């Protein structure tokens, strides 16, 4: 697995599963829907909340 810049606070499983789906950088999530991410095993509401907390200060957002 490649190096990931995803927040460690998301949890190991969520970061691993997102990386397996090709998401390892925060800028890749801009415009991705929370529904799409929640469909991935190991990615739950906590991971979505943490992603939003890290994306929004950079002016990036998950799709509604």
PDB file of N, CA and C in Angstrom:
ATOM      1  N   UNK A   1       0.855  -1.183   0.000  1.00  0.00           N
ATOM      2  CA  UNK A   1       0.000   0.000   0.000  1.00  0.00           C
ATOM      3  C   UNK A   1       0.891   1.233   0.000  1.00  0.00           C
ATOM      4  N   UNK A   2       0.500   2.253  -0.730  1.00  0.00           N
ATOM      5  CA  UNK A   2       1.290   3.467  -0.800  1.00  0.00           C
ATOM      6  C   UNK A   2       1.094   4.320   0.444  1.00  0.00           C
ATOM      7  N   UNK A   3       1.961   5.304   0.586  1.00  0.00           N
ATOM      8  CA  UNK A   3       1.897   6.233   1.712  1.00  0.00           C
ATOM      9  C   UNK A   3       0.582   7.021   1.632  1.00  0.00           C
ATOM     10  N   UNK A   4      -0.046   7.239   2.761  1.00  0.00           N
ATOM     11  CA  UNK A   4      -1.333   7.919   2.804  1.00  0.00           C
ATOM     12  C   UNK A   4      -1.236   9.187   3.634  1.00  0.00           C
ATOM     13  N   UNK A   5      -1.937  10.217   3.201  1.00  0.00           N
ATOM     14  CA  UNK A   5      -2.007  11.440   3.993  1.00  0.00           C
ATOM     15  C   UNK A   5      -3.348  11.548   4.732  1.00  0.00           C
ATOM     16  N   UNK A   6      -4.102  10.454   4.743  1.00  0.00           N
ATOM     17  CA  UNK A   6      -5.391  10.469   5.436  1.00  0.00           C
ATOM     18  C   UNK A   6      -5.155  10.549   6.938  1.00  0.00           C
ATOM     19  N   UNK A   7      -6.031  11.258   7.653  1.00  0.00           N
ATOM     20  CA  UNK A   7      -5.857  11.440   9.092  1.00  0.00           C
ATOM     21  C   UNK A   7      -5.853  10.118   9.855  1.00  0.00           C
ATOM     22  N   UNK A   8      -4.888   9.963  10.746  1.00  0.00           N
ATOM     23  CA  UNK A   8      -4.793   8.754  11.564  1.00  0.00           C
ATOM     24  C   UNK A   8      -6.022   8.589  12.457  1.00  0.00           C
ATOM     25  N   UNK A   9      -6.663   9.692  12.793  1.00  0.00           N
ATOM     26  CA  UNK A   9      -7.838   9.632  13.668  1.00  0.00           C
ATOM     27  C   UNK A   9      -9.024   8.926  13.010  1.00  0.00           C
ATOM     28  N   UNK A  10      -8.967   8.696  11.696  1.00  0.00           N
ATOM     29  CA  UNK A  10     -10.041   7.974  11.002  1.00  0.00           C
ATOM     30  C   UNK A  10     -10.069   6.508  11.389  1.00  0.00           C
ATOM     31  N   UNK A  11      -8.949   5.983  11.794  1.00  0.00           N
ATOM     32  CA  UNK A  11      -8.861   4.571  12.130  1.00  0.00           C
ATOM     33  C   UNK A  11      -8.158   3.802  11.027  1.00  0.00           C
ATOM     34  N   UNK A  12      -7.507   2.747  11.432  1.00  0.00           N
ATOM     35  CA  UNK A  12      -6.678   1.953  10.527  1.00  0.00           C
ATOM     36  C   UNK A  12      -7.496   1.291   9.415  1.00  0.00           C
ATOM     37  N   UNK A  13      -8.627   0.712   9.766  1.00  0.00           N
ATOM     38  CA  UNK A  13      -9.431  -0.013   8.771  1.00  0.00           C
ATOM     39  C   UNK A  13      -9.961   0.944   7.707  1.00  0.00           C
ATOM     40  N   UNK A  14     -10.505   2.081   8.122  1.00  0.00           N
ATOM     41  CA  UNK A  14     -11.044   3.039   7.159  1.00  0.00           C
ATOM     42  C   UNK A  14      -9.943   3.537   6.226  1.00  0.00           C
ATOM     43  N   UNK A  15      -8.788   3.884   6.762  1.00  0.00           N
ATOM     44  CA  UNK A  15      -7.685   4.357   5.921  1.00  0.00           C
ATOM     45  C   UNK A  15      -7.214   3.271   4.956  1.00  0.00           C
ATOM     46  N   UNK A  16      -7.114   2.040   5.439  1.00  0.00           N
ATOM     47  CA  UNK A  16      -6.679   0.938   4.584  1.00  0.00           C
ATOM     48  C   UNK A  16      -7.670   0.694   3.447  1.00  0.00           C
ATOM     49  N   UNK A  17      -8.955   0.643   3.784  1.00  0.00           N
ATOM     50  CA  UNK A  17      -9.968   0.370   2.767  1.00  0.00           C
ATOM     51  C   UNK A  17     -10.065   1.499   1.746  1.00  0.00           C
ATOM     52  N   UNK A  18      -9.961   2.744   2.201  1.00  0.00           N
ATOM     53  CA  UNK A  18      -9.977   3.856   1.254  1.00  0.00           C
ATOM     54  C   UNK A  18      -8.770   3.783   0.328  1.00  0.00           C
ATOM     55  N   UNK A  19      -7.606   3.446   0.877  1.00  0.00           N
ATOM     56  CA  UNK A  19      -6.401   3.318   0.058  1.00  0.00           C
ATOM     57  C   UNK A  19      -6.553   2.198  -0.967  1.00  0.00           C
ATOM     58  N   UNK A  20      -7.187   1.098  -0.575  1.00  0.00           N
ATOM     59  CA  UNK A  20      -7.419   0.002  -1.509  1.00  0.00           C
ATOM     60  C   UNK A  20      -8.317   0.427  -2.670  1.00  0.00           C
ATOM     61  N   UNK A  21      -9.154   1.437  -2.428  1.00  0.00           N
ATOM     62  CA  UNK A  21     -10.027   1.975  -3.474  1.00  0.00           C
ATOM     63  C   UNK A  21      -9.372   3.152  -4.195  1.00  0.00           C
ATOM     64  N   UNK A  22      -8.113   3.420  -3.874  1.00  0.00           N
ATOM     65  CA  UNK A  22      -7.364   4.450  -4.594  1.00  0.00           C
ATOM     66  C   UNK A  22      -7.340   5.828  -3.966  1.00  0.00           C
ATOM     67  N   UNK A  23      -7.933   5.980  -2.798  1.00  0.00           N
ATOM     68  CA  UNK A  23      -7.960   7.281  -2.135  1.00  0.00           C
ATOM     69  C   UNK A  23      -6.903   7.336  -1.042  1.00  0.00           C
ATOM     70  N   UNK A  24      -5.857   8.112  -1.285  1.00  0.00           N
ATOM     71  CA  UNK A  24      -4.779   8.246  -0.301  1.00  0.00           C
ATOM     72  C   UNK A  24      -4.474   9.703   0.028  1.00  0.00           C
ATOM     73  N   UNK A  25      -5.071  10.633  -0.732  1.00  0.00           N
ATOM     74  CA  UNK A  25      -4.832  12.064  -0.508  1.00  0.00           C
ATOM     75  C   UNK A  25      -6.162  12.781  -0.286  1.00  0.00           C
ATOM     76  N   UNK A  26      -6.150  13.794   0.561  1.00  0.00           N
ATOM     77  CA  UNK A  26      -7.375  14.527   0.854  1.00  0.00           C
ATOM     78  C   UNK A  26      -7.952  15.209  -0.377  1.00  0.00           C
ATOM     79  N   UNK A  27      -7.101  15.689  -1.282  1.00  0.00           N
ATOM     80  CA  UNK A  27      -7.623  16.393  -2.457  1.00  0.00           C
ATOM     81  C   UNK A  27      -8.422  15.481  -3.385  1.00  0.00           C
ATOM     82  N   UNK A  28      -8.317  14.186  -3.233  1.00  0.00           N
ATOM     83  CA  UNK A  28      -9.061  13.242  -4.064  1.00  0.00           C
ATOM     84  C   UNK A  28     -10.535  13.143  -3.663  1.00  0.00           C
ATOM     85  N   UNK A  29     -10.881  13.631  -2.490  1.00  0.00           N
ATOM     86  CA  UNK A  29     -12.248  13.483  -1.980  1.00  0.00           C
ATOM     87  C   UNK A  29     -13.165  14.638  -2.362  1.00  0.00           C
ATOM     88  N   UNK A  30     -12.620  15.708  -2.896  1.00  0.00           N
ATOM     89  CA  UNK A  30     -13.423  16.875  -3.247  1.00  0.00           C
ATOM     90  C   UNK A  30     -14.495  16.466  -4.252  1.00  0.00           C
ATOM     91  N   UNK A  31     -15.756  16.582  -3.854  1.00  0.00           N
ATOM     92  CA  UNK A  31     -16.871  16.243  -4.738  1.00  0.00           C
ATOM     93  C   UNK A  31     -17.335  14.802  -4.677  1.00  0.00           C
ATOM     94  N   UNK A  32     -16.643  13.955  -3.928  1.00  0.00           N
ATOM     95  CA  UNK A  32     -17.067  12.566  -3.757  1.00  0.00           C
ATOM     96  C   UNK A  32     -18.228  12.548  -2.762  1.00  0.00           C
ATOM     97  N   UNK A  33     -19.214  11.715  -2.985  1.00  0.00           N
ATOM     98  CA  UNK A  33     -20.369  11.693  -2.079  1.00  0.00           C
ATOM     99  C   UNK A  33     -20.096  10.831  -0.847  1.00  0.00           C
ATOM    100  N   UNK A  34     -20.652  11.271   0.261  1.00  0.00           N
ATOM    101  CA  UNK A  34     -20.543  10.507   1.504  1.00  0.00           C
ATOM    102  C   UNK A  34     -21.178   9.136   1.319  1.00  0.00           C
ATOM    103  N   UNK A  35     -22.259   9.068   0.555  1.00  0.00           N
ATOM    104  CA  UNK A  35     -22.948   7.791   0.302  1.00  0.00           C
ATOM    105  C   UNK A  35     -21.999   6.802  -0.369  1.00  0.00           C
ATOM    106  N   UNK A  36     -21.230   7.270  -1.346  1.00  0.00           N
ATOM    107  CA  UNK A  36     -20.274   6.416  -2.039  1.00  0.00           C
ATOM    108  C   UNK A  36     -19.211   5.890  -1.070  1.00  0.00           C
ATOM    109  N   UNK A  37     -18.736   6.750  -0.195  1.00  0.00           N
ATOM    110  CA  UNK A  37     -17.706   6.352   0.763  1.00  0.00           C
ATOM    111  C   UNK A  37     -18.261   5.397   1.813  1.00  0.00           C
ATOM    112  N   UNK A  38     -19.484   5.643   2.255  1.00  0.00           N
ATOM    113  CA  UNK A  38     -20.095   4.783   3.268  1.00  0.00           C
ATOM    114  C   UNK A  38     -20.358   3.368   2.750  1.00  0.00           C
ATOM    115  N   UNK A  39     -20.394   3.202   1.441  1.00  0.00           N
ATOM    116  CA  UNK A  39     -20.609   1.877   0.851  1.00  0.00           C
ATOM    117  C   UNK A  39     -19.351   1.009   0.948  1.00  0.00           C
ATOM    118  N   UNK A  40     -18.235   1.608   1.327  1.00  0.00           N
ATOM    119  CA  UNK A  40     -16.975   0.874   1.439  1.00  0.00           C
ATOM    120  C   UNK A  40     -16.888   0.267   2.836  1.00  0.00           C
ATOM    121  N   UNK A  41     -16.606  -1.021   2.898  1.00  0.00           N
ATOM    122  CA  UNK A  41     -16.453  -1.712   4.180  1.00  0.00           C
ATOM    123  C   UNK A  41     -15.425  -0.984   5.037  1.00  0.00           C
ATOM    124  N   UNK A  42     -15.770  -0.727   6.291  1.00  0.00           N
ATOM    125  CA  UNK A  42     -14.836  -0.104   7.219  1.00  0.00           C
ATOM    126  C   UNK A  42     -14.915   1.404   7.274  1.00  0.00           C
ATOM    127  N   UNK A  43     -15.677   2.003   6.360  1.00  0.00           N
ATOM    128  CA  UNK A  43     -15.837   3.458   6.342  1.00  0.00           C
ATOM    129  C   UNK A  43     -17.212   3.787   6.904  1.00  0.00           C
ATOM    130  N   UNK A  44     -17.226   4.440   8.039  1.00  0.00           N
ATOM    131  CA  UNK A  44     -18.488   4.763   8.693  1.00  0.00           C
ATOM    132  C   UNK A  44     -18.652   6.251   8.916  1.00  0.00           C
ATOM    133  N   UNK A  45     -19.691   6.618   9.643  1.00  0.00           N
ATOM    134  CA  UNK A  45     -19.981   8.028   9.901  1.00  0.00           C
ATOM    135  C   UNK A  45     -18.815   8.784  10.558  1.00  0.00           C
ATOM    136  N   UNK A  46     -18.080   8.119  11.435  1.00  0.00           N
ATOM    137  CA  UNK A  46     -16.940   8.786  12.082  1.00  0.00           C
ATOM    138  C   UNK A  46     -15.883   9.166  11.047  1.00  0.00           C
ATOM    139  N   UNK A  47     -15.586   8.262  10.125  1.00  0.00           N
ATOM    140  CA  UNK A  47     -14.596   8.552   9.081  1.00  0.00           C
ATOM    141  C   UNK A  47     -15.068   9.704   8.202  1.00  0.00           C
ATOM    142  N   UNK A  48     -16.341   9.746   7.884  1.00  0.00           N
ATOM    143  CA  UNK A  48     -16.898  10.830   7.065  1.00  0.00           C
ATOM    144  C   UNK A  48     -16.778  12.157   7.807  1.00  0.00           C
ATOM    145  N   UNK A  49     -17.110  12.159   9.083  1.00  0.00           N
ATOM    146  CA  UNK A  49     -17.009  13.381   9.896  1.00  0.00           C
ATOM    147  C   UNK A  49     -15.567  13.888   9.920  1.00  0.00           C
ATOM    148  N   UNK A  50     -14.632  12.990  10.137  1.00  0.00           N
ATOM    149  CA  UNK A  50     -13.223  13.367  10.198  1.00  0.00           C
ATOM    150  C   UNK A  50     -12.748  13.895   8.841  1.00  0.00           C
ATOM    151  N   UNK A  51     -13.160  13.250   7.763  1.00  0.00           N
ATOM    152  CA  UNK A  51     -12.811  13.742   6.430  1.00  0.00           C
ATOM    153  C   UNK A  51     -13.320  15.163   6.235  1.00  0.00           C
ATOM    154  N   UNK A  52     -14.573  15.386   6.576  1.00  0.00           N
ATOM    155  CA  UNK A  52     -15.150  16.733   6.430  1.00  0.00           C
ATOM    156  C   UNK A  52     -14.374  17.754   7.251  1.00  0.00           C
ATOM    157  N   UNK A  53     -13.998  17.391   8.471  1.00  0.00           N
ATOM    158  CA  UNK A  53     -13.245  18.304   9.332  1.00  0.00           C
ATOM    159  C   UNK A  53     -11.900  18.689   8.722  1.00  0.00           C
ATOM    160  N   UNK A  54     -11.314  17.794   7.945  1.00  0.00           N
ATOM    161  CA  UNK A  54     -10.022  18.067   7.326  1.00  0.00           C
ATOM    162  C   UNK A  54     -10.146  18.713   5.944  1.00  0.00           C
ATOM    163  N   UNK A  55     -11.248  18.471   5.258  1.00  0.00           N
ATOM    164  CA  UNK A  55     -11.451  19.033   3.920  1.00  0.00           C
ATOM    165  C   UNK A  55     -11.912  20.490   3.961  1.00  0.00           C
ATOM    166  N   UNK A  56     -12.861  20.790   4.825  1.00  0.00           N
ATOM    167  CA  UNK A  56     -13.491  22.110   4.820  1.00  0.00           C
ATOM    168  C   UNK A  56     -12.529  23.276   5.046  1.00  0.00           C
ATOM    169  N   UNK A  57     -11.534  23.169   5.936  1.00  0.00           N
ATOM    170  CA  UNK A  57     -10.601  24.293   6.080  1.00  0.00           C
ATOM    171  C   UNK A  57      -9.798  24.570   4.798  1.00  0.00           C
ATOM    172  N   UNK A  58      -9.705  23.590   3.924  1.00  0.00           N
ATOM    173  CA  UNK A  58      -8.991  23.751   2.654  1.00  0.00           C
ATOM    174  C   UNK A  58      -9.935  24.188   1.529  1.00  0.00           C
ATOM    175  N   UNK A  59     -11.212  24.420   1.873  1.00  0.00           N
ATOM    176  CA  UNK A  59     -12.185  24.817   0.860  1.00  0.00           C
ATOM    177  C   UNK A  59     -12.663  23.657   0.003  1.00  0.00           C
ATOM    178  N   UNK A  60     -12.524  22.450   0.502  1.00  0.00           N
ATOM    179  CA  UNK A  60     -12.958  21.254  -0.219  1.00  0.00           C
ATOM    180  C   UNK A  60     -14.148  20.636   0.524  1.00  0.00           C
ATOM    181  N   UNK A  61     -15.030  19.993  -0.230  1.00  0.00           N
ATOM    182  CA  UNK A  61     -16.246  19.450   0.369  1.00  0.00           C
ATOM    183  C   UNK A  61     -16.630  18.122  -0.263  1.00  0.00           C
ATOM    184  N   UNK A  62     -17.252  17.265   0.533  1.00  0.00           N
ATOM    185  CA  UNK A  62     -17.859  16.060  -0.003  1.00  0.00           C
ATOM    186  C   UNK A  62     -19.169  16.474  -0.682  1.00  0.00           C
ATOM    187  N   UNK A  63     -19.543  15.756  -1.721  1.00  0.00           N
ATOM    188  CA  UNK A  63     -20.809  16.036  -2.405  1.00  0.00           C
ATOM    189  C   UNK A  63     -21.966  15.675  -1.483  1.00  0.00           C
ATOM    190  N   UNK A  64     -23.089  16.365  -1.652  1.00  0.00           N
ATOM    191  CA  UNK A  64     -24.254  16.047  -0.801  1.00  0.00           C
ATOM    192  C   UNK A  64     -24.796  14.643  -1.046  1.00  0.00           C
TER     193      UNK A  64
END
